[in-house]
Amino acid sequence: MSLPARAEVVVVGGGVMGASTAFHLAEAGVTDVLLLEKDSLACGSTSRSAGGVRAQFSDAVNIALGLRSLPAFERFGSRPGGEIDLHQVGYLFLHTEPGAWAVAQEAVALQNSMGVPTRLLSAAEAGALSRGVSVDDVIGATFHPRDGYCSPENVVQGYAAGARALGAAVRTGVGVTGIESSGREITAVVTTDGIVETSTVVCAAGAWSREVGAWVGVDLPVDPLRRQIVVTEPLSDELLELYPMDTPMTIDAASTFYLHREGPGLLVGMSYQAETFGFHDGFTDAWEDDLLVAMERRAPALLDVGVAHRWAGFYEVTPDHNAVIGEASSVSRFLYATGFSGHGFLQGPAVGEVLRDLYLGREPVVDVSSMSAERFTAGESVYELNIV
């Protein structure tokens, strides 16, 4: 299918941010929207995520974005439509370090003040919720039952289908290779299939965003960082008793080891502290060694379970491990939402609304002014402590 000669808005990136933005713009009446994805929809960071959705954060903006996104996931079947396999089994953060536990309690107080009923739990209470994990060294835990996980690919496809139904155009297999401008005004995007005239570009290119920003002289300090995930073979009857379908998304805060049910098995993962920035593909023995150490400590019953699937994807990481969301002041009009550092998928619904509002020139549903990329030029940072 050929590209249109022009579009009111061009969205670069076919992950959750791009698809959500296209849908919310089209729903608001901006039907001349063109979403461009160089590969297939949800092929990048979105499809490689663990699919978690939550409102448990330490920063007020992240809490607000998560809290606004949860109802959108809950109502996704009717707006925009589609099954996303949502499991609201809760997020359970296990804490073993006194300093981190003190900070977690402060974060819970902030969440409660903003309407998120996160609870503080004892080790015994945490163990009763997630029976397959060891809690003998846990000094406290936090739990919000409305959190959970769903299918990232289905969310993207749902938003893309909804955008198309409302008049937006979605093109896959079309790479954006440049942005043309005249003075401070954007005039067109250059693609592998030709040039599209436009005055507005939304960068939702994930780990590839730095290059997109550079085309218009905007510094988006985003670097790719490999993250690896394993899905186990089907669990035995004995293990199914330890890890039933209502097992929470369980995270060991100190090591970042996490798990949740995935079909007949479990999805497990963690960060690799020695990982270096870059588009590194494949798996590393060192990461698997670290995973086994964390598993032996936190979920030893899983050590003998085989691997059914595994994959590696990219976090889009900023210097303070928090997103950059906003509109550039140096060029008109370049909007961006990237650098979520591992918690982007779950904020996709709300961020799509925010970008819609920024484009329309109205007060965003969530104030994201602190997330501007210009904070780094000003020497400011916004740190999020609840990262996985």
Protein backbone atom coordinates (compact mmCIF):
# COMPACT_ATOMS: atom_id res chain seq x y z
CA MET A 1 0.00 0.00 0.00
CA SER A 2 1.47 3.36 -1.03
CA LEU A 3 2.19 6.13 1.42
CA PRO A 4 0.01 9.23 1.49
CA ALA A 5 1.69 12.34 0.11
CA ARG A 6 1.02 14.25 3.32
CA ALA A 7 -0.27 13.81 6.84
CA GLU A 8 -1.22 16.15 9.65
CA VAL A 9 0.75 14.08 12.16
CA VAL A 10 3.37 11.37 11.55
CA VAL A 11 3.99 8.99 14.43
CA VAL A 12 7.35 7.19 14.28
CA GLY A 13 7.27 3.79 15.98
CA GLY A 14 4.71 0.98 16.06
CA GLY A 15 4.98 -0.06 19.70
CA VAL A 16 2.50 0.71 22.45
CA MET A 17 3.37 4.42 22.60
CA GLY A 18 2.98 4.96 18.89
CA ALA A 19 -0.20 2.92 18.57
CA SER A 20 -1.79 4.50 21.64
CA THR A 21 -0.93 7.97 20.39
CA ALA A 22 -2.38 7.30 16.93
CA PHE A 23 -5.58 5.94 18.48
CA HIS A 24 -6.09 8.80 20.91
CA LEU A 25 -5.39 11.42 18.24
CA ALA A 26 -7.83 9.80 15.82
CA GLU A 27 -10.43 9.42 18.55
CA ALA A 28 -10.12 13.15 19.24
CA GLY A 29 -10.87 13.92 15.60
CA VAL A 30 -7.34 14.17 14.22
CA THR A 31 -7.94 11.60 11.51
CA ASP A 32 -5.08 12.58 9.20
CA VAL A 33 -2.57 10.59 11.28
CA LEU A 34 0.08 8.33 9.77
CA LEU A 35 1.81 5.72 11.95
CA LEU A 36 5.05 4.36 10.49
CA GLU A 37 6.84 1.23 11.71
CA LYS A 38 10.00 -0.03 10.02
CA ASP A 39 9.23 -3.65 10.86
CA SER A 40 5.95 -5.06 12.20
CA LEU A 41 3.74 -3.68 14.93
CA ALA A 42 4.95 -4.40 18.47
CA CYS A 43 8.16 -5.98 17.19
CA GLY A 44 10.49 -3.93 19.39
CA SER A 45 10.59 -3.30 23.12
CA THR A 46 6.83 -3.72 23.57
CA SER A 47 6.68 -7.36 22.46
CA ARG A 48 9.82 -8.21 24.45
CA SER A 49 8.45 -6.89 27.73
CA ALA A 50 7.07 -8.93 30.61
CA GLY A 51 3.65 -7.32 30.09
CA GLY A 52 3.32 -5.97 33.61
CA VAL A 53 0.79 -3.24 34.43
CA ARG A 54 0.97 -1.39 37.74
CA ALA A 55 0.57 1.81 39.69
CA GLN A 56 3.27 1.03 42.28
CA PHE A 57 5.91 3.70 41.73
CA SER A 58 7.87 6.13 43.87
CA ASP A 59 7.50 9.19 41.61
CA ALA A 60 4.15 11.01 41.57
CA VAL A 61 4.03 11.35 37.78
CA ASN A 62 4.65 7.64 37.25
CA ILE A 63 1.98 6.81 39.82
CA ALA A 64 -0.48 9.08 38.02
CA LEU A 65 0.34 7.58 34.61
CA GLY A 66 0.01 4.04 35.95
CA LEU A 67 -3.20 4.83 37.80
CA ARG A 68 -4.77 6.37 34.70
CA SER A 69 -3.66 3.47 32.49
CA LEU A 70 -5.11 0.70 34.66
CA PRO A 71 -8.78 1.54 33.86
CA ALA A 72 -7.89 1.68 30.16
CA PHE A 73 -6.52 -1.86 30.33
CA GLU A 74 -9.58 -2.97 32.27
CA ARG A 75 -11.95 -1.52 29.64
CA PHE A 76 -9.82 -2.40 26.63
CA GLY A 77 -12.37 -4.89 25.33
CA SER A 78 -14.82 -2.08 24.60
CA ARG A 79 -12.35 0.75 23.90
CA PRO A 80 -10.65 0.38 21.51
CA GLY A 81 -11.63 -3.30 21.46
CA GLY A 82 -9.82 -6.61 21.62
CA GLU A 83 -8.81 -9.29 24.09
CA ILE A 84 -5.59 -8.48 25.97
CA ASP A 85 -5.58 -11.42 28.43
CA LEU A 86 -5.48 -9.17 31.49
CA HIS A 87 -4.65 -10.89 34.79
CA GLN A 88 -5.08 -8.54 37.73
CA VAL A 89 -3.30 -10.70 40.27
CA GLY A 90 -1.35 -7.85 41.81
CA TYR A 91 2.30 -6.83 42.01
CA LEU A 92 4.23 -8.06 45.06
CA PHE A 93 7.56 -6.36 45.82
CA LEU A 94 9.72 -8.24 48.31
CA HIS A 95 12.23 -6.21 50.34
CA THR A 96 15.28 -7.54 52.14
CA GLU A 97 17.31 -4.37 52.69
CA PRO A 98 16.34 -1.93 55.50
CA GLY A 99 17.15 1.20 53.51
CA ALA A 100 15.13 0.12 50.49
CA TRP A 101 12.27 -0.98 52.74
CA ALA A 102 12.15 2.47 54.36
CA VAL A 103 11.96 4.09 50.91
CA ALA A 104 9.28 1.60 49.85
CA GLN A 105 7.13 2.56 52.81
CA GLU A 106 7.41 6.23 51.83
CA ALA A 107 6.40 5.32 48.27
CA VAL A 108 3.37 3.43 49.55
CA ALA A 109 2.32 6.46 51.60
CA LEU A 110 2.52 8.59 48.43
CA GLN A 111 0.58 5.99 46.44
CA ASN A 112 -2.13 5.86 49.12
CA SER A 113 -2.40 9.66 49.10
CA MET A 114 -3.00 9.54 45.34
CA GLY A 115 -5.72 6.90 45.55
CA VAL A 116 -3.67 3.72 45.02
CA PRO A 117 -4.55 1.30 47.87
CA THR A 118 -1.16 -0.40 48.06
CA ARG A 119 -0.67 -2.39 51.25
CA LEU A 120 2.35 -3.05 53.44
CA LEU A 121 2.75 -6.74 54.20
CA SER A 122 4.81 -8.87 56.53
CA ALA A 123 7.03 -11.63 55.19
CA ALA A 124 4.45 -14.22 56.22
CA GLU A 125 1.66 -12.37 54.42
CA ALA A 126 3.82 -12.08 51.30
CA GLY A 127 4.60 -15.79 51.41
CA ALA A 128 0.92 -16.62 51.65
CA LEU A 129 0.26 -14.64 48.45
CA SER A 130 3.21 -16.04 46.48
CA ARG A 131 3.60 -19.54 47.85
CA GLY A 132 6.41 -20.64 45.55
CA VAL A 133 8.94 -18.05 46.73
CA SER A 134 11.21 -18.09 49.75
CA VAL A 135 10.58 -15.21 52.16
CA ASP A 136 12.84 -16.16 55.07
CA ASP A 137 15.02 -13.06 54.57
CA VAL A 138 12.16 -10.69 53.63
CA ILE A 139 11.61 -7.83 56.09
CA GLY A 140 8.53 -6.44 54.38
CA ALA A 141 6.58 -6.33 51.12
CA THR A 142 4.21 -4.10 49.20
CA PHE A 143 1.16 -5.30 47.30
CA HIS A 144 -1.46 -3.63 45.11
CA PRO A 145 -4.11 -6.14 43.98
CA ARG A 146 -5.21 -4.16 40.93
CA ASP A 147 -1.81 -4.49 39.27
CA GLY A 148 -1.03 -7.45 37.05
CA TYR A 149 -0.01 -8.33 33.50
CA CYS A 150 -1.47 -8.74 30.01
CA SER A 151 -0.48 -9.35 26.39
CA PRO A 152 1.62 -6.45 24.99
CA GLU A 153 1.15 -7.54 21.38
CA ASN A 154 -2.62 -7.60 21.73
CA VAL A 155 -2.64 -4.11 23.24
CA VAL A 156 -0.69 -2.71 20.30
CA GLN A 157 -2.84 -4.50 17.72
CA GLY A 158 -5.99 -3.26 19.47
CA TYR A 159 -4.87 0.35 19.47
CA ALA A 160 -3.71 0.12 15.84
CA ALA A 161 -7.01 -1.41 14.71
CA GLY A 162 -8.90 1.24 16.65
CA ALA A 163 -6.84 4.00 15.04
CA ARG A 164 -7.48 2.61 11.56
CA ALA A 165 -11.22 2.37 12.23
CA LEU A 166 -11.21 6.05 13.16
CA GLY A 167 -9.42 7.11 9.98
CA ALA A 168 -5.73 6.93 10.81
CA ALA A 169 -3.30 5.21 8.46
CA VAL A 170 -0.89 2.55 9.72
CA ARG A 171 2.01 1.43 7.55
CA THR A 172 4.46 -1.29 8.51
CA GLY A 173 7.69 -2.20 6.75
CA VAL A 174 8.36 1.50 6.21
CA GLY A 175 11.45 2.92 7.87
CA VAL A 176 11.82 6.61 8.63
CA THR A 177 15.31 7.74 7.60
CA GLY A 178 15.13 11.48 8.21
CA ILE A 179 13.08 14.57 8.96
CA GLU A 180 13.15 17.63 6.74
CA SER A 181 12.70 21.11 8.11
CA SER A 182 12.82 24.75 7.09
CA GLY A 183 14.16 26.95 9.84
CA ARG A 184 12.31 25.88 12.98
CA GLU A 185 9.45 24.26 11.06
CA ILE A 186 9.20 20.56 10.27
CA THR A 187 8.15 20.09 6.65
CA ALA A 188 8.37 16.35 5.90
CA VAL A 189 9.58 12.92 6.93
CA VAL A 190 11.84 10.90 4.66
CA THR A 191 11.09 7.18 4.50
CA THR A 192 12.29 4.12 2.69
CA ASP A 193 9.13 4.40 0.57
CA GLY A 194 9.27 8.11 -0.18
CA ILE A 195 8.66 11.52 1.38
CA VAL A 196 5.57 12.46 3.37
CA GLU A 197 4.84 16.14 3.92
CA THR A 198 3.93 16.96 7.51
CA SER A 199 4.28 19.69 10.08
CA THR A 200 4.24 17.41 13.13
CA VAL A 201 6.27 14.37 14.14
CA VAL A 202 5.74 12.24 17.25
CA CYS A 203 8.80 10.23 18.21
CA ALA A 204 7.78 6.93 19.81
CA ALA A 205 10.76 5.02 18.50
CA GLY A 206 11.85 3.45 21.79
CA ALA A 207 15.50 2.45 21.90
CA TRP A 208 16.03 4.05 18.47
CA SER A 209 14.77 7.49 19.56
CA ARG A 210 18.12 9.23 19.94
CA GLU A 211 18.69 9.14 16.17
CA VAL A 212 15.18 10.42 15.44
CA GLY A 213 15.68 13.37 17.77
CA ALA A 214 19.06 14.15 16.21
CA TRP A 215 17.39 14.68 12.83
CA VAL A 216 15.80 17.85 14.20
CA GLY A 217 18.53 18.79 16.65
CA VAL A 218 16.71 17.51 19.75
CA ASP A 219 18.77 15.58 22.27
CA LEU A 220 16.82 12.53 23.43
CA PRO A 221 19.33 10.85 25.77
CA VAL A 222 18.08 7.31 25.22
CA ASP A 223 20.33 4.26 24.99
CA PRO A 224 19.44 0.59 24.36
CA LEU A 225 20.06 -1.89 27.17
CA ARG A 226 19.49 -5.59 26.61
CA ARG A 227 16.99 -7.40 28.85
CA GLN A 228 16.53 -11.16 28.79
CA ILE A 229 13.50 -13.27 29.68
CA VAL A 230 12.80 -16.99 30.01
CA VAL A 231 9.49 -18.86 29.89
CA THR A 232 9.54 -22.28 31.50
CA GLU A 233 8.10 -25.53 30.28
CA PRO A 234 4.67 -26.48 31.67
CA LEU A 235 4.72 -26.81 35.44
CA SER A 236 4.22 -30.14 37.15
CA ASP A 237 1.16 -30.71 39.31
CA GLU A 238 3.30 -30.16 42.39
CA LEU A 239 4.58 -26.81 41.09
CA LEU A 240 1.10 -25.75 39.99
CA GLU A 241 0.13 -25.89 43.65
CA LEU A 242 3.01 -23.52 44.46
CA TYR A 243 2.37 -21.24 41.47
CA PRO A 244 -1.39 -21.17 40.76
CA MET A 245 -2.83 -18.78 38.18
CA ASP A 246 -3.52 -16.15 40.86
CA THR A 247 0.17 -15.92 41.79
CA PRO A 248 1.07 -12.20 41.85
CA MET A 249 3.73 -10.69 39.67
CA THR A 250 6.45 -11.21 42.29
CA ILE A 251 9.63 -9.12 42.35
CA ASP A 252 12.69 -9.46 44.56
CA ALA A 253 13.53 -5.76 44.86
CA ALA A 254 17.21 -6.30 45.69
CA SER A 255 18.09 -8.53 42.73
CA THR A 256 15.17 -7.50 40.41
CA PHE A 257 14.41 -11.22 39.89
CA TYR A 258 10.72 -11.51 38.96
CA LEU A 259 8.18 -14.08 37.89
CA HIS A 260 4.56 -14.44 36.85
CA ARG A 261 2.46 -17.20 35.33
CA GLU A 262 2.62 -17.45 31.56
CA GLY A 263 0.19 -20.01 30.18
CA PRO A 264 1.12 -23.45 31.55
CA GLY A 265 4.51 -22.21 32.74
CA LEU A 266 6.20 -19.23 34.35
CA LEU A 267 7.85 -16.14 32.89
CA VAL A 268 11.02 -15.25 34.78
CA GLY A 269 13.63 -12.56 34.33
CA MET A 270 15.89 -10.03 36.00
CA SER A 271 18.32 -7.27 35.15
CA TYR A 272 21.98 -8.05 34.49
CA GLN A 273 24.09 -5.61 36.45
CA ALA A 274 27.12 -5.99 34.14
CA GLU A 275 25.12 -5.31 30.96
CA THR A 276 26.51 -2.52 28.77
CA PHE A 277 24.57 -0.16 26.52
CA GLY A 278 24.16 -1.10 22.88
CA PHE A 279 22.09 -3.18 20.50
CA HIS A 280 23.42 -6.51 21.75
CA ASP A 281 21.45 -9.48 20.48
CA GLY A 282 21.00 -12.93 21.91
CA PHE A 283 21.64 -14.42 25.34
CA THR A 284 24.64 -14.42 27.61
CA ASP A 285 25.86 -17.22 29.84
CA ALA A 286 26.71 -14.65 32.50
CA TRP A 287 23.09 -13.48 32.69
CA GLU A 288 21.85 -17.04 32.94
CA ASP A 289 24.35 -17.69 35.74
CA ASP A 290 23.05 -14.66 37.65
CA LEU A 291 19.46 -15.75 37.03
CA LEU A 292 20.15 -19.19 38.47
CA VAL A 293 21.74 -17.67 41.57
CA ALA A 294 18.71 -15.43 42.12
CA MET A 295 16.35 -18.31 41.43
CA GLU A 296 18.15 -20.56 43.90
CA ARG A 297 17.74 -17.88 46.55
CA ARG A 298 14.15 -16.86 45.83
CA ALA A 299 12.44 -19.74 43.95
CA PRO A 300 14.57 -22.89 44.28
CA ALA A 301 11.75 -25.20 43.20
CA LEU A 302 12.16 -23.85 39.66
CA LEU A 303 15.78 -24.90 39.21
CA ASP A 304 14.85 -28.22 37.63
CA VAL A 305 12.17 -26.84 35.29
CA GLY A 306 13.10 -26.76 31.62
CA VAL A 307 12.98 -23.75 29.30
CA ALA A 308 10.27 -23.55 26.65
CA HIS A 309 11.00 -20.10 25.23
CA ARG A 310 13.40 -17.25 25.80
CA TRP A 311 13.99 -13.90 24.23
CA ALA A 312 16.05 -10.75 24.52
CA GLY A 313 14.82 -7.21 23.94
CA PHE A 314 15.89 -3.66 24.67
CA TYR A 315 15.07 -1.29 27.44
CA GLU A 316 15.21 2.34 26.31
CA VAL A 317 17.20 3.90 29.13
CA THR A 318 17.77 7.53 30.10
CA PRO A 319 20.42 8.81 32.55
CA ASP A 320 17.93 8.86 35.44
CA HIS A 321 16.02 5.75 34.33
CA ASN A 322 12.85 7.74 33.77
CA ALA A 323 10.90 8.66 30.66
CA VAL A 324 11.20 11.74 28.51
CA ILE A 325 7.77 13.01 27.47
CA GLY A 326 6.95 16.37 25.97
CA GLU A 327 7.31 18.72 23.03
CA ALA A 328 10.57 20.25 21.87
CA SER A 329 10.95 24.00 22.24
CA SER A 330 13.70 24.31 19.63
CA VAL A 331 11.67 23.07 16.65
CA SER A 332 7.98 23.09 15.74
CA ARG A 333 6.35 20.58 16.14
CA PHE A 334 8.31 17.64 17.49
CA LEU A 335 6.69 15.61 20.27
CA TYR A 336 8.26 12.62 21.98
CA ALA A 337 7.57 9.81 24.44
CA THR A 338 10.50 7.49 25.02
CA GLY A 339 13.16 6.41 27.48
CA PHE A 340 10.79 4.63 29.85
CA SER A 341 13.59 2.38 31.12
CA GLY A 342 11.41 -0.68 31.56
CA HIS A 343 8.07 0.72 32.69
CA GLY A 344 6.74 2.07 29.40
CA PHE A 345 4.29 -0.59 28.29
CA LEU A 346 2.09 -0.18 31.36
CA GLN A 347 1.94 3.61 30.86
CA GLY A 348 1.04 3.41 27.18
CA PRO A 349 -2.67 4.27 27.50
CA ALA A 350 -2.10 7.39 29.60
CA VAL A 351 0.90 8.58 27.58
CA GLY A 352 -1.13 8.35 24.37
CA GLU A 353 -3.67 10.66 25.99
CA VAL A 354 -0.94 13.04 27.13
CA LEU A 355 0.52 13.32 23.63
CA ARG A 356 -2.96 13.87 22.23
CA ASP A 357 -3.47 16.73 24.66
CA LEU A 358 -0.07 18.27 23.98
CA TYR A 359 -0.77 18.21 20.26
CA LEU A 360 -4.20 19.78 20.72
CA GLY A 361 -2.76 22.47 22.98
CA ARG A 362 -4.80 21.59 26.04
CA GLU A 363 -3.92 20.70 29.61
CA PRO A 364 -2.66 17.10 29.65
CA VAL A 365 -4.58 14.51 31.66
CA VAL A 366 -1.35 14.07 33.64
CA ASP A 367 1.15 16.89 34.17
CA VAL A 368 4.36 15.57 32.61
CA SER A 369 6.30 18.83 32.58
CA SER A 370 8.91 17.32 34.90
CA MET A 371 9.56 14.63 32.26
CA SER A 372 10.78 17.02 29.57
CA ALA A 373 14.02 15.98 27.89
CA GLU A 374 15.28 19.46 28.63
CA ARG A 375 15.60 18.51 32.31
CA PHE A 376 18.99 16.99 31.55
CA THR A 377 20.27 20.21 29.97
CA ALA A 378 19.11 22.02 33.11
CA GLY A 379 20.96 19.52 35.29
CA GLU A 380 17.77 18.09 36.76
CA SER A 381 16.78 14.45 37.23
CA VAL A 382 13.62 12.55 38.14
CA TYR A 383 14.48 9.27 39.79
CA GLU A 384 12.13 6.30 39.91
CA LEU A 385 13.02 3.72 42.55
CA ASN A 386 10.48 1.02 41.67
CA ILE A 387 12.16 -0.24 38.52
CA VAL A 388 12.48 -3.86 37.46
